[in-house]
C-alpha atoms as a PDB file:
ATOM      1  CA  MET A   1      13.556  -5.576 114.763  1.00  0.00           C
ATOM      2  CA  ALA A   2      12.260  -3.741 111.686  1.00  0.00           C
ATOM      3  CA  LEU A   3      14.859  -2.924 109.046  1.00  0.00           C
ATOM      4  CA  ALA A   4      14.280   0.829 109.270  1.00  0.00           C
ATOM      5  CA  ALA A   5      14.611   0.806 113.068  1.00  0.00           C
ATOM      6  CA  ARG A   6      17.810  -1.211 112.920  1.00  0.00           C
ATOM      7  CA  ALA A   7      19.174   1.197 110.320  1.00  0.00           C
ATOM      8  CA  ARG A   8      18.388   4.246 112.451  1.00  0.00           C
ATOM      9  CA  GLY A   9      20.085   2.620 115.438  1.00  0.00           C
ATOM     10  CA  LEU A  10      23.282   1.865 113.530  1.00  0.00           C
ATOM     11  CA  GLU A  11      23.222   5.272 111.854  1.00  0.00           C
ATOM     12  CA  ASP A  12      23.043   7.048 115.222  1.00  0.00           C
ATOM     13  CA  GLN A  13      25.885   4.957 116.632  1.00  0.00           C
ATOM     14  CA  SER A  14      28.178   5.343 113.633  1.00  0.00           C
ATOM     15  CA  VAL A  15      28.685   9.102 113.230  1.00  0.00           C
ATOM     16  CA  SER A  16      31.433   9.289 115.819  1.00  0.00           C
ATOM     17  CA  ALA A  17      34.713   9.335 113.902  1.00  0.00           C
ATOM     18  CA  SER A  18      36.061  12.337 112.039  1.00  0.00           C
ATOM     19  CA  PHE A  19      38.196  11.737 108.988  1.00  0.00           C
ATOM     20  CA  CYS A  20      41.002  13.510 107.196  1.00  0.00           C
ATOM     21  CA  VAL A  21      41.325  12.062 103.700  1.00  0.00           C
ATOM     22  CA  PHE A  22      44.535  12.651 101.744  1.00  0.00           C
ATOM     23  CA  GLY A  23      44.951  12.111  97.999  1.00  0.00           C
ATOM     24  CA  GLY A  24      43.767  12.799  94.510  1.00  0.00           C
ATOM     25  CA  ALA A  25      40.861  14.870  93.200  1.00  0.00           C
ATOM     26  CA  LEU A  26      40.366  14.957  89.455  1.00  0.00           C
ATOM     27  CA  ILE A  27      38.047  14.922  86.469  1.00  0.00           C
ATOM     28  CA  ASP A  28      36.835  11.498  85.282  1.00  0.00           C
ATOM     29  CA  ARG A  29      35.822  11.203  81.618  1.00  0.00           C
ATOM     30  CA  VAL A  30      34.205   7.879  80.776  1.00  0.00           C
ATOM     31  CA  GLY A  31      33.309   7.145  77.159  1.00  0.00           C
ATOM     32  CA  LEU A  32      31.147   4.320  75.815  1.00  0.00           C
ATOM     33  CA  PHE A  33      31.290   3.311  72.142  1.00  0.00           C
ATOM     34  CA  GLU A  34      27.934   2.375  70.621  1.00  0.00           C
ATOM     35  CA  THR A  35      29.434   0.328  67.760  1.00  0.00           C
ATOM     36  CA  PRO A  36      32.343  -2.156  67.570  1.00  0.00           C
ATOM     37  CA  PHE A  37      35.720  -0.486  67.909  1.00  0.00           C
ATOM     38  CA  HIS A  38      37.950  -0.110  64.834  1.00  0.00           C
ATOM     39  CA  PRO A  39      41.402   1.515  65.310  1.00  0.00           C
ATOM     40  CA  GLY A  40      41.833   4.823  63.538  1.00  0.00           C
ATOM     41  CA  GLN A  41      38.097   5.273  62.900  1.00  0.00           C
ATOM     42  CA  SER A  42      35.436   7.588  64.309  1.00  0.00           C
ATOM     43  CA  HIS A  43      32.657   5.981  66.344  1.00  0.00           C
ATOM     44  CA  PRO A  44      29.279   7.077  67.698  1.00  0.00           C
ATOM     45  CA  GLY A  45      29.065   7.052  71.452  1.00  0.00           C
ATOM     46  CA  HIS A  46      28.656   9.230  74.516  1.00  0.00           C
ATOM     47  CA  TRP A  47      30.658  10.625  77.419  1.00  0.00           C
ATOM     48  CA  GLN A  48      30.021  10.899  81.115  1.00  0.00           C
ATOM     49  CA  GLN A  49      32.167  13.483  82.930  1.00  0.00           C
ATOM     50  CA  THR A  50      32.245  13.524  86.716  1.00  0.00           C
ATOM     51  CA  ILE A  51      34.415  14.528  89.634  1.00  0.00           C
ATOM     52  CA  GLY A  52      36.693  11.630  90.525  1.00  0.00           C
ATOM     53  CA  GLY A  53      39.810  10.491  92.293  1.00  0.00           C
ATOM     54  CA  VAL A  54      39.816   7.658  94.824  1.00  0.00           C
ATOM     55  CA  ALA A  55      40.485   9.907  97.823  1.00  0.00           C
ATOM     56  CA  ALA A  56      37.928  12.483  96.700  1.00  0.00           C
ATOM     57  CA  ASN A  57      35.257   9.830  96.157  1.00  0.00           C
ATOM     58  CA  VAL A  58      35.940   8.118  99.488  1.00  0.00           C
ATOM     59  CA  ALA A  59      35.805  11.478 101.268  1.00  0.00           C
ATOM     60  CA  ARG A  60      32.533  12.424  99.563  1.00  0.00           C
ATOM     61  CA  HIS A  61      30.946   9.083 100.462  1.00  0.00           C
ATOM     62  CA  LEU A  62      32.003   9.454 104.108  1.00  0.00           C
ATOM     63  CA  ALA A  63      30.413  12.913 104.182  1.00  0.00           C
ATOM     64  CA  HIS A  64      27.234  11.515 102.608  1.00  0.00           C
ATOM     65  CA  PHE A  65      27.205   8.886 105.366  1.00  0.00           C
ATOM     66  CA  GLY A  66      27.175  11.685 107.940  1.00  0.00           C
ATOM     67  CA  ALA A  67      30.813  11.939 109.033  1.00  0.00           C
ATOM     68  CA  GLN A  68      32.842  15.113 109.510  1.00  0.00           C
ATOM     69  CA  VAL A  69      35.459  15.064 106.744  1.00  0.00           C
ATOM     70  CA  MET A  70      38.520  17.158 105.980  1.00  0.00           C
ATOM     71  CA  PHE A  71      40.128  16.738 102.564  1.00  0.00           C
ATOM     72  CA  ALA A  72      43.763  17.301 101.614  1.00  0.00           C
ATOM     73  CA  SER A  73      44.836  17.277  97.979  1.00  0.00           C
ATOM     74  CA  VAL A  74      46.567  19.514  95.429  1.00  0.00           C
ATOM     75  CA  PHE A  75      44.735  21.825  93.048  1.00  0.00           C
ATOM     76  CA  SER A  76      45.626  23.880  90.020  1.00  0.00           C
ATOM     77  CA  ASP A  77      44.250  27.352  89.367  1.00  0.00           C
ATOM     78  CA  ASP A  78      42.433  26.434  86.147  1.00  0.00           C
ATOM     79  CA  ALA A  79      38.678  26.338  85.518  1.00  0.00           C
ATOM     80  CA  SER A  80      38.480  22.574  86.066  1.00  0.00           C
ATOM     81  CA  ALA A  81      39.949  22.976  89.538  1.00  0.00           C
ATOM     82  CA  GLN A  82      37.205  25.431  90.409  1.00  0.00           C
ATOM     83  CA  THR A  83      34.644  22.866  89.261  1.00  0.00           C
ATOM     84  CA  VAL A  84      36.243  20.138  91.385  1.00  0.00           C
ATOM     85  CA  ARG A  85      36.512  22.293  94.500  1.00  0.00           C
ATOM     86  CA  ARG A  86      32.935  23.522  94.143  1.00  0.00           C
ATOM     87  CA  GLN A  87      31.624  19.949  94.033  1.00  0.00           C
ATOM     88  CA  LEU A  88      33.706  18.882  97.038  1.00  0.00           C
ATOM     89  CA  LEU A  89      32.389  21.810  99.066  1.00  0.00           C
ATOM     90  CA  GLU A  90      28.808  21.067  98.009  1.00  0.00           C
ATOM     91  CA  ASP A  91      29.289  17.496  99.247  1.00  0.00           C
ATOM     92  CA  GLY A  92      30.226  18.809 102.686  1.00  0.00           C
ATOM     93  CA  LEU A  93      34.007  18.472 102.704  1.00  0.00           C
ATOM     94  CA  ASN A  94      36.250  20.889 104.573  1.00  0.00           C
ATOM     95  CA  ILE A  95      39.132  21.430 102.144  1.00  0.00           C
ATOM     96  CA  ILE A  96      42.533  22.066 103.712  1.00  0.00           C
ATOM     97  CA  PRO A  97      43.671  25.448 102.313  1.00  0.00           C
ATOM     98  CA  ASP A  98      46.968  26.581 100.766  1.00  0.00           C
ATOM     99  CA  CYS A  99      47.281  23.581  98.413  1.00  0.00           C
ATOM    100  CA  ILE A 100      46.915  25.456  95.116  1.00  0.00           C
ATOM    101  CA  PHE A 101      49.753  25.228  92.571  1.00  0.00           C
ATOM    102  CA  PRO A 102      49.343  27.827  89.793  1.00  0.00           C
ATOM    103  CA  GLY A 103      50.105  26.965  86.209  1.00  0.00           C
ATOM    104  CA  GLY A 104      49.415  23.240  86.354  1.00  0.00           C
ATOM    105  CA  ALA A 105      46.548  21.269  84.880  1.00  0.00           C
ATOM    106  CA  THR A 106      43.812  19.642  86.915  1.00  0.00           C
ATOM    107  CA  PRO A 107      44.415  15.873  86.833  1.00  0.00           C
ATOM    108  CA  THR A 108      42.154  13.911  84.498  1.00  0.00           C
ATOM    109  CA  TYR A 109      41.459  10.256  83.854  1.00  0.00           C
ATOM    110  CA  THR A 110      39.972   9.462  80.455  1.00  0.00           C
ATOM    111  CA  VAL A 111      38.788   5.926  79.690  1.00  0.00           C
ATOM    112  CA  MET A 112      36.957   4.473  76.688  1.00  0.00           C
ATOM    113  CA  HIS A 113      34.801   1.321  76.722  1.00  0.00           C
ATOM    114  CA  ASP A 114      33.665  -0.797  73.781  1.00  0.00           C
ATOM    115  CA  PRO A 115      29.945  -1.683  73.520  1.00  0.00           C
ATOM    116  CA  SER A 116      30.423  -4.727  75.781  1.00  0.00           C
ATOM    117  CA  GLY A 117      31.939  -2.509  78.480  1.00  0.00           C
ATOM    118  CA  ASP A 118      35.537  -3.682  78.115  1.00  0.00           C
ATOM    119  CA  VAL A 119      38.199  -0.989  78.349  1.00  0.00           C
ATOM    120  CA  ILE A 120      39.780  -0.007  75.043  1.00  0.00           C
ATOM    121  CA  ALA A 121      42.241   2.460  76.513  1.00  0.00           C
ATOM    122  CA  GLY A 122      42.722   4.780  79.438  1.00  0.00           C
ATOM    123  CA  LEU A 123      44.823   7.903  79.784  1.00  0.00           C
ATOM    124  CA  ALA A 124      45.819   9.341  83.153  1.00  0.00           C
ATOM    125  CA  ASP A 125      47.134  12.923  83.189  1.00  0.00           C
ATOM    126  CA  MET A 126      48.253  13.186  86.820  1.00  0.00           C
ATOM    127  CA  ALA A 127      51.357  15.388  86.742  1.00  0.00           C
ATOM    128  CA  LEU A 128      49.948  17.709  89.420  1.00  0.00           C
ATOM    129  CA  HIS A 129      50.066  14.839  91.928  1.00  0.00           C
ATOM    130  CA  GLU A 130      53.849  15.190  91.999  1.00  0.00           C
ATOM    131  CA  HIS A 131      53.253  18.074  94.414  1.00  0.00           C
ATOM    132  CA  MET A 132      51.892  15.592  96.973  1.00  0.00           C
ATOM    133  CA  ASN A 133      55.387  15.141  98.375  1.00  0.00           C
ATOM    134  CA  GLU A 134      56.931  15.031 101.858  1.00  0.00           C
ATOM    135  CA  ILE A 135      56.734  18.834 102.287  1.00  0.00           C
ATOM    136  CA  TRP A 136      53.044  18.778 101.353  1.00  0.00           C
ATOM    137  CA  ALA A 137      52.467  15.821 103.715  1.00  0.00           C
ATOM    138  CA  ARG A 138      53.928  17.740 106.669  1.00  0.00           C
ATOM    139  CA  GLN A 139      51.768  20.782 105.896  1.00  0.00           C
ATOM    140  CA  VAL A 140      48.469  18.958 105.527  1.00  0.00           C
ATOM    141  CA  ALA A 141      49.163  16.613 108.459  1.00  0.00           C
ATOM    142  CA  LEU A 142      49.264  19.628 110.749  1.00  0.00           C
ATOM    143  CA  ALA A 143      45.815  20.741 109.595  1.00  0.00           C
ATOM    144  CA  GLY A 144      44.422  17.205 109.695  1.00  0.00           C
ATOM    145  CA  ALA A 145      45.575  16.569 113.247  1.00  0.00           C
ATOM    146  CA  ILE A 146      42.143  17.531 114.604  1.00  0.00           C
ATOM    147  CA  CYS A 147      40.613  14.398 113.012  1.00  0.00           C
ATOM    148  CA  THR A 148      40.392  11.038 114.750  1.00  0.00           C
ATOM    149  CA  HIS A 149      41.139   8.904 111.667  1.00  0.00           C
ATOM    150  CA  TRP A 150      43.340   9.382 108.601  1.00  0.00           C
ATOM    151  CA  ILE A 151      42.790   7.852 105.170  1.00  0.00           C
ATOM    152  CA  ALA A 152      45.117   8.201 102.177  1.00  0.00           C
ATOM    153  CA  ASP A 153      45.040   6.905  98.618  1.00  0.00           C
ATOM    154  CA  THR A 154      48.106   5.697  96.752  1.00  0.00           C
ATOM    155  CA  ASN A 155      48.101   8.561  94.272  1.00  0.00           C
ATOM    156  CA  ILE A 156      50.424   9.885  96.982  1.00  0.00           C
ATOM    157  CA  ALA A 157      53.992   8.675  96.432  1.00  0.00           C
ATOM    158  CA  PRO A 158      55.444   6.217  98.995  1.00  0.00           C
ATOM    159  CA  PRO A 159      57.844   8.781 100.583  1.00  0.00           C
ATOM    160  CA  ALA A 160      54.946  11.142 101.320  1.00  0.00           C
ATOM    161  CA  LEU A 161      52.833   8.252 102.622  1.00  0.00           C
ATOM    162  CA  ALA A 162      55.732   7.320 104.907  1.00  0.00           C
ATOM    163  CA  GLU A 163      55.799  10.928 106.134  1.00  0.00           C
ATOM    164  CA  LEU A 164      52.088  10.758 106.973  1.00  0.00           C
ATOM    165  CA  ALA A 165      52.667   7.470 108.790  1.00  0.00           C
ATOM    166  CA  SER A 166      55.405   9.069 110.870  1.00  0.00           C
ATOM    167  CA  LEU A 167      53.121  11.991 111.815  1.00  0.00           C
ATOM    168  CA  LYS A 168      49.873  10.167 112.544  1.00  0.00           C
ATOM    169  CA  GLY A 169      50.528   9.742 116.247  1.00  0.00           C
ATOM    170  CA  ASP A 170      47.939   7.541 117.942  1.00  0.00           C
ATOM    171  CA  ARG A 171      45.282   7.983 115.265  1.00  0.00           C
ATOM    172  CA  PRO A 172      44.846   5.124 112.763  1.00  0.00           C
ATOM    173  CA  LEU A 173      45.972   5.582 109.160  1.00  0.00           C
ATOM    174  CA  PHE A 174      44.332   3.496 106.438  1.00  0.00           C
ATOM    175  CA  LEU A 175      45.400   3.291 102.790  1.00  0.00           C
ATOM    176  CA  VAL A 176      43.042   2.848  99.850  1.00  0.00           C
ATOM    177  CA  VAL A 177      44.955   1.453  96.879  1.00  0.00           C
ATOM    178  CA  VAL A 178      44.317   3.168  93.548  1.00  0.00           C
ATOM    179  CA  SER A 179      45.652   0.593  91.074  1.00  0.00           C
ATOM    180  CA  PRO A 180      48.104  -2.316  90.838  1.00  0.00           C
ATOM    181  CA  ALA A 181      50.718   0.045  89.414  1.00  0.00           C
ATOM    182  CA  LYS A 182      50.461   2.233  92.520  1.00  0.00           C
ATOM    183  CA  ALA A 183      50.570  -0.693  94.929  1.00  0.00           C
ATOM    184  CA  VAL A 184      54.237  -1.480  94.347  1.00  0.00           C
ATOM    185  CA  ASP A 185      56.956  -0.161  96.649  1.00  0.00           C
ATOM    186  CA  LEU A 186      54.590  -0.097  99.634  1.00  0.00           C
ATOM    187  CA  THR A 187      55.747  -3.281 101.380  1.00  0.00           C
ATOM    188  CA  ALA A 188      58.104  -1.490 103.777  1.00  0.00           C
ATOM    189  CA  LEU A 189      55.250   0.813 104.801  1.00  0.00           C
ATOM    190  CA  LEU A 190      52.824  -1.944 105.810  1.00  0.00           C
ATOM    191  CA  PRO A 191      53.883  -2.337 109.485  1.00  0.00           C
ATOM    192  CA  HIS A 192      53.582   1.438 109.995  1.00  0.00           C
ATOM    193  CA  ILE A 193      49.966   1.837 108.895  1.00  0.00           C
ATOM    194  CA  ASP A 194      46.784   0.424 110.390  1.00  0.00           C
ATOM    195  CA  GLY A 195      45.102  -1.119 107.378  1.00  0.00           C
ATOM    196  CA  ILE A 196      44.674  -1.295 103.619  1.00  0.00           C
ATOM    197  CA  ILE A 197      41.583  -1.510 101.405  1.00  0.00           C
ATOM    198  CA  CYS A 198      42.342  -2.998  97.991  1.00  0.00           C
ATOM    199  CA  ASN A 199      41.198  -5.499  95.392  1.00  0.00           C
ATOM    200  CA  ARG A 200      42.820  -8.856  94.697  1.00  0.00           C
ATOM    201  CA  GLN A 201      44.882  -7.607  91.741  1.00  0.00           C
ATOM    202  CA  GLU A 202      46.259  -4.732  93.805  1.00  0.00           C
ATOM    203  CA  ALA A 203      47.084  -7.135  96.631  1.00  0.00           C
ATOM    204  CA  GLU A 204      49.037  -9.277  94.175  1.00  0.00           C
ATOM    205  CA  ALA A 205      51.040  -6.255  93.025  1.00  0.00           C
ATOM    206  CA  LEU A 206      51.666  -5.175  96.605  1.00  0.00           C
ATOM    207  CA  ALA A 207      52.878  -8.604  97.735  1.00  0.00           C
ATOM    208  CA  ASP A 208      54.509  -9.465  94.373  1.00  0.00           C
ATOM    209  CA  THR A 209      52.778 -12.839  94.402  1.00  0.00           C
ATOM    210  CA  PRO A 210      49.595 -14.302  92.857  1.00  0.00           C
ATOM    211  CA  PHE A 211      46.595 -15.036  95.075  1.00  0.00           C
ATOM    212  CA  ALA A 212      43.821 -17.485  94.288  1.00  0.00           C
ATOM    213  CA  ASP A 213      41.100 -15.364  95.860  1.00  0.00           C
ATOM    214  CA  ALA A 214      40.371 -12.479  98.210  1.00  0.00           C
ATOM    215  CA  ALA A 215      40.830 -14.618 101.321  1.00  0.00           C
ATOM    216  CA  SER A 216      44.330 -15.734 100.407  1.00  0.00           C
ATOM    217  CA  ALA A 217      45.181 -12.146  99.443  1.00  0.00           C
ATOM    218  CA  ALA A 218      44.012 -10.692 102.765  1.00  0.00           C
ATOM    219  CA  GLU A 219      45.753 -13.431 104.723  1.00  0.00           C
ATOM    220  CA  GLY A 220      48.928 -13.009 102.680  1.00  0.00           C
ATOM    221  CA  LEU A 221      49.143  -9.265 103.286  1.00  0.00           C
ATOM    222  CA  VAL A 222      48.658  -9.670 107.022  1.00  0.00           C
ATOM    223  CA  ASN A 223      51.354 -12.332 107.043  1.00  0.00           C
ATOM    224  CA  ILE A 224      53.882  -9.884 105.571  1.00  0.00           C
ATOM    225  CA  GLY A 225      53.276  -7.256 108.228  1.00  0.00           C
ATOM    226  CA  LEU A 226      49.949  -5.495 107.633  1.00  0.00           C
ATOM    227  CA  PRO A 227      47.783  -5.188 110.767  1.00  0.00           C
ATOM    228  CA  LEU A 228      44.445  -5.222 108.889  1.00  0.00           C
ATOM    229  CA  CYS A 229      43.342  -5.788 105.322  1.00  0.00           C
ATOM    230  CA  ILE A 230      40.018  -5.726 103.484  1.00  0.00           C
ATOM    231  CA  VAL A 231      40.127  -7.187  99.973  1.00  0.00           C
ATOM    232  CA  SER A 232      37.388  -7.057  97.337  1.00  0.00           C
ATOM    233  CA  ASP A 233      37.222  -9.313  94.285  1.00  0.00           C
ATOM    234  CA  GLY A 234      34.430  -8.002  92.101  1.00  0.00           C
ATOM    235  CA  ALA A 235      31.296 -10.152  92.361  1.00  0.00           C
ATOM    236  CA  LYS A 236      33.280 -12.874  94.140  1.00  0.00           C
ATOM    237  CA  ARG A 237      33.874 -13.209  97.869  1.00  0.00           C
ATOM    238  CA  GLY A 238      35.447 -10.317  99.787  1.00  0.00           C
ATOM    239  CA  ALA A 239      37.729 -10.903 102.764  1.00  0.00           C
ATOM    240  CA  PHE A 240      38.644  -9.220 106.036  1.00  0.00           C
ATOM    241  CA  ALA A 241      41.833 -10.197 107.872  1.00  0.00           C
ATOM    242  CA  ARG A 242      43.597  -8.678 110.876  1.00  0.00           C
ATOM    243  CA  LYS A 243      46.127  -9.485 113.544  1.00  0.00           C
ATOM    244  CA  ILE A 244      44.831  -9.842 117.097  1.00  0.00           C
ATOM    245  CA  PRO A 245      47.508  -9.716 119.848  1.00  0.00           C
ATOM    246  CA  ASP A 246      48.172 -13.126 121.434  1.00  0.00           C
ATOM    247  CA  GLN A 247      45.555 -14.756 119.203  1.00  0.00           C
ATOM    248  CA  ASP A 248      45.337 -16.362 115.779  1.00  0.00           C
ATOM    249  CA  MET A 249      44.690 -14.185 112.770  1.00  0.00           C
ATOM    250  CA  GLN A 250      41.032 -13.235 112.308  1.00  0.00           C
ATOM    251  CA  LEU A 251      39.891 -14.071 108.782  1.00  0.00           C
ATOM    252  CA  VAL A 252      36.328 -13.515 107.567  1.00  0.00           C
ATOM    253  CA  VAL A 253      35.087 -14.213 104.055  1.00  0.00           C
ATOM    254  CA  LYS A 254      31.785 -12.909 102.768  1.00  0.00           C
ATOM    255  CA  ALA A 255      30.061 -13.365  99.417  1.00  0.00           C
ATOM    256  CA  PRO A 256      27.887 -10.560  98.042  1.00  0.00           C
ATOM    257  CA  VAL A 257      24.505 -11.292  96.531  1.00  0.00           C
ATOM    258  CA  ALA A 258      24.166 -10.762  92.796  1.00  0.00           C
ATOM    259  CA  HIS A 259      25.243  -7.205  92.077  1.00  0.00           C
ATOM    260  CA  LEU A 260      22.837  -6.496  89.256  1.00  0.00           C
ATOM    261  CA  THR A 261      19.740  -8.147  87.854  1.00  0.00           C
ATOM    262  CA  GLU A 262      19.987 -10.284  84.757  1.00  0.00           C
ATOM    263  CA  ALA A 263      17.537  -7.949  83.037  1.00  0.00           C
ATOM    264  CA  ASP A 264      20.079  -5.121  83.044  1.00  0.00           C
ATOM    265  CA  ASP A 265      21.878  -4.450  79.790  1.00  0.00           C
ATOM    266  CA  LEU A 266      25.448  -5.767  79.984  1.00  0.00           C
ATOM    267  CA  SER A 267      27.075  -2.593  78.673  1.00  0.00           C
ATOM    268  CA  ARG A 268      25.266  -0.475  81.270  1.00  0.00           C
ATOM    269  CA  GLN A 269      26.269  -2.933  84.008  1.00  0.00           C
ATOM    270  CA  ARG A 270      29.935  -2.554  83.251  1.00  0.00           C
ATOM    271  CA  PHE A 271      29.726   1.165  82.600  1.00  0.00           C
ATOM    272  CA  ARG A 272      28.236   1.733  86.039  1.00  0.00           C
ATOM    273  CA  MET A 273      30.894  -0.312  87.809  1.00  0.00           C
ATOM    274  CA  THR A 274      33.220   2.694  87.628  1.00  0.00           C
ATOM    275  CA  GLY A 275      33.481   4.023  91.190  1.00  0.00           C
ATOM    276  CA  ALA A 276      32.000   0.955  92.920  1.00  0.00           C
ATOM    277  CA  GLY A 277      35.376   0.169  94.496  1.00  0.00           C
ATOM    278  CA  ASP A 278      35.531   3.637  96.050  1.00  0.00           C
ATOM    279  CA  MET A 279      32.109   3.086  97.618  1.00  0.00           C
ATOM    280  CA  PHE A 280      33.222  -0.342  98.894  1.00  0.00           C
ATOM    281  CA  ALA A 281      36.266   1.271 100.543  1.00  0.00           C
ATOM    282  CA  ALA A 282      34.293   4.140 102.086  1.00  0.00           C
ATOM    283  CA  ALA A 283      31.606   1.854 103.520  1.00  0.00           C
ATOM    284  CA  SER A 284      34.254  -0.531 104.883  1.00  0.00           C
ATOM    285  CA  LEU A 285      36.045   2.292 106.665  1.00  0.00           C
ATOM    286  CA  PHE A 286      32.886   3.921 107.980  1.00  0.00           C
ATOM    287  CA  ALA A 287      31.687   0.618 109.453  1.00  0.00           C
ATOM    288  CA  LEU A 288      35.142  -0.223 110.807  1.00  0.00           C
ATOM    289  CA  CYS A 289      35.539   3.126 112.556  1.00  0.00           C
ATOM    290  CA  SER A 290      32.062   3.326 114.058  1.00  0.00           C
ATOM    291  CA  LYS A 291      31.696   4.011 117.769  1.00  0.00           C
ATOM    292  CA  THR A 292      29.997   0.679 118.404  1.00  0.00           C
ATOM    293  CA  ALA A 293      32.091  -2.196 117.061  1.00  0.00           C
ATOM    294  CA  ILE A 294      30.575  -3.936 114.029  1.00  0.00           C
ATOM    295  CA  ALA A 295      31.421  -7.584 113.394  1.00  0.00           C
ATOM    296  CA  ALA A 296      33.880  -8.153 110.546  1.00  0.00           C
ATOM    297  CA  GLU A 297      31.357 -10.067 108.452  1.00  0.00           C
ATOM    298  CA  ASN A 298      28.901  -7.198 108.839  1.00  0.00           C
ATOM    299  CA  ILE A 299      31.570  -4.729 107.722  1.00  0.00           C
ATOM    300  CA  LEU A 300      31.869  -6.738 104.512  1.00  0.00           C
ATOM    301  CA  GLN A 301      28.088  -6.997 104.242  1.00  0.00           C
ATOM    302  CA  HIS A 302      27.735  -3.212 104.438  1.00  0.00           C
ATOM    303  CA  ALA A 303      30.572  -2.704 101.951  1.00  0.00           C
ATOM    304  CA  HIS A 304      29.034  -5.095  99.413  1.00  0.00           C
ATOM    305  CA  ALA A 305      25.594  -3.540  99.841  1.00  0.00           C
ATOM    306  CA  ALA A 306      26.978  -0.025  99.390  1.00  0.00           C
ATOM    307  CA  ALA A 307      28.820  -1.030  96.216  1.00  0.00           C
ATOM    308  CA  ARG A 308      25.676  -2.565  94.827  1.00  0.00           C
ATOM    309  CA  LEU A 309      23.697   0.611  95.533  1.00  0.00           C
ATOM    310  CA  ALA A 310      26.395   2.657  93.799  1.00  0.00           C
ATOM    311  CA  MET A 311      26.282   0.485  90.680  1.00  0.00           C
ATOM    312  CA  GLN A 312      22.568   1.114  90.336  1.00  0.00           C
ATOM    313  CA  GLU A 313      23.211   4.851  89.887  1.00  0.00           C
ATOM    314  CA  ASP A 314      24.506   6.691  86.824  1.00  0.00           C
ATOM    315  CA  ASP A 315      26.767   8.937  88.922  1.00  0.00           C
ATOM    316  CA  THR A 316      30.169   7.410  89.735  1.00  0.00           C
ATOM    317  CA  CYS A 317      29.936   8.936  93.241  1.00  0.00           C
ATOM    318  CA  PRO A 318      26.225   8.954  94.142  1.00  0.00           C
ATOM    319  CA  ALA A 319      25.003  10.640  97.319  1.00  0.00           C
ATOM    320  CA  ILE A 320      23.861   7.586  99.304  1.00  0.00           C
ATOM    321  CA  ASP A 321      23.308   7.911 103.051  1.00  0.00           C
ATOM    322  CA  TRP A 322      24.303   5.346 105.686  1.00  0.00           C
ATOM    323  CA  ARG A 323      20.715   4.481 106.534  1.00  0.00           C
ATOM    324  CA  SER A 324      20.188   3.327 102.935  1.00  0.00           C
ATOM    325  CA  VAL A 325      23.352   1.232 103.107  1.00  0.00           C
ATOM    326  CA  THR A 326      22.259  -0.400 106.360  1.00  0.00           C
ATOM    327  CA  ILE A 327      18.792  -1.223 105.048  1.00  0.00           C
ATOM    328  CA  ALA A 328      20.319  -2.748 101.903  1.00  0.00           C
ATOM    329  CA  ALA A 329      22.799  -4.757 103.999  1.00  0.00           C
ATOM    330  CA  ASP A 330      19.993  -6.114 106.162  1.00  0.00           C
ATOM    331  CA  LYS A 331      18.001  -7.124 103.089  1.00  0.00           C
ATOM    332  CA  GLU A 332      21.007  -8.919 101.628  1.00  0.00           C
ATOM    333  CA  ARG A 333      21.641 -10.654 104.949  1.00  0.00           C
ATOM    334  CA  ILE A 334      18.085 -11.976 104.917  1.00  0.00           C
ATOM    335  CA  GLN A 335      18.534 -13.218 101.333  1.00  0.00           C
ATOM    336  CA  ASN A 336      21.734 -15.026 102.298  1.00  0.00           C
ATOM    337  CA  ASP A 337      20.218 -16.665 105.406  1.00  0.00           C
END
């Protein structure tokens, strides 16, 4: 079957779930130094400022894929919040109202890279996220009850995540981990959610144990009580693991093709990797929750292909549709065969 025809078929089958995404929305400021870094000195370079936040990016990608998406976060009343909300609305999200907290500052994440792309320092100003507490969780859960699937990032504190888990009813709740630091203290929550999307380092922080690779990480998390886990590991193999009643654990490992061509400048490669994990998570969840079941290895194939497409764009949350992801996944499958 032609690639385009296969893509249209999967695209038509996949827009069936509706999502409520809970978590952070913020301003990302990414700086790249053009000369070697020297502490205490001024350097030439340039900034890229975008709308960010793991939950916001995942929600925007799902909307770009064609899903109906509600978004629950907390917002200040400053000018930056207006910018963030405007972009979310333009991307097709239905923002849950009554989550504005006057007087606070819109969360920001500022990171600086040296010319090779390595991080010099990052600063996260996320005080507003403290309002994503149990009271907030109960309020937004009521509005999000019309959606078939829930997704939350770990900018939400564990007690509020536990509140969402207690209110989800029969709908699945998936967590997207934000960072290793925000993966701790979640172990007790694992049996009460339906799946986690994370990278290997975050899995290690969550399980408080080192893992050799994505496969051992996914298997390890399922063994400590998680029903389903999808683990990425940069350009290395990704893994999908889940419990199946009365059967052995299902474990699938998939290697992506080369993410970027050797002709690309190294600093631009690394600079563009910001946000690729959010695309990987969104594509994984969209494929997983499609009306027609997609094989686990194909879920990983779509996730890898989507991340690669994202890294080829300057925007950290590019508007890529599901048909483009499916065509790219099919091309990569042919290259791997």
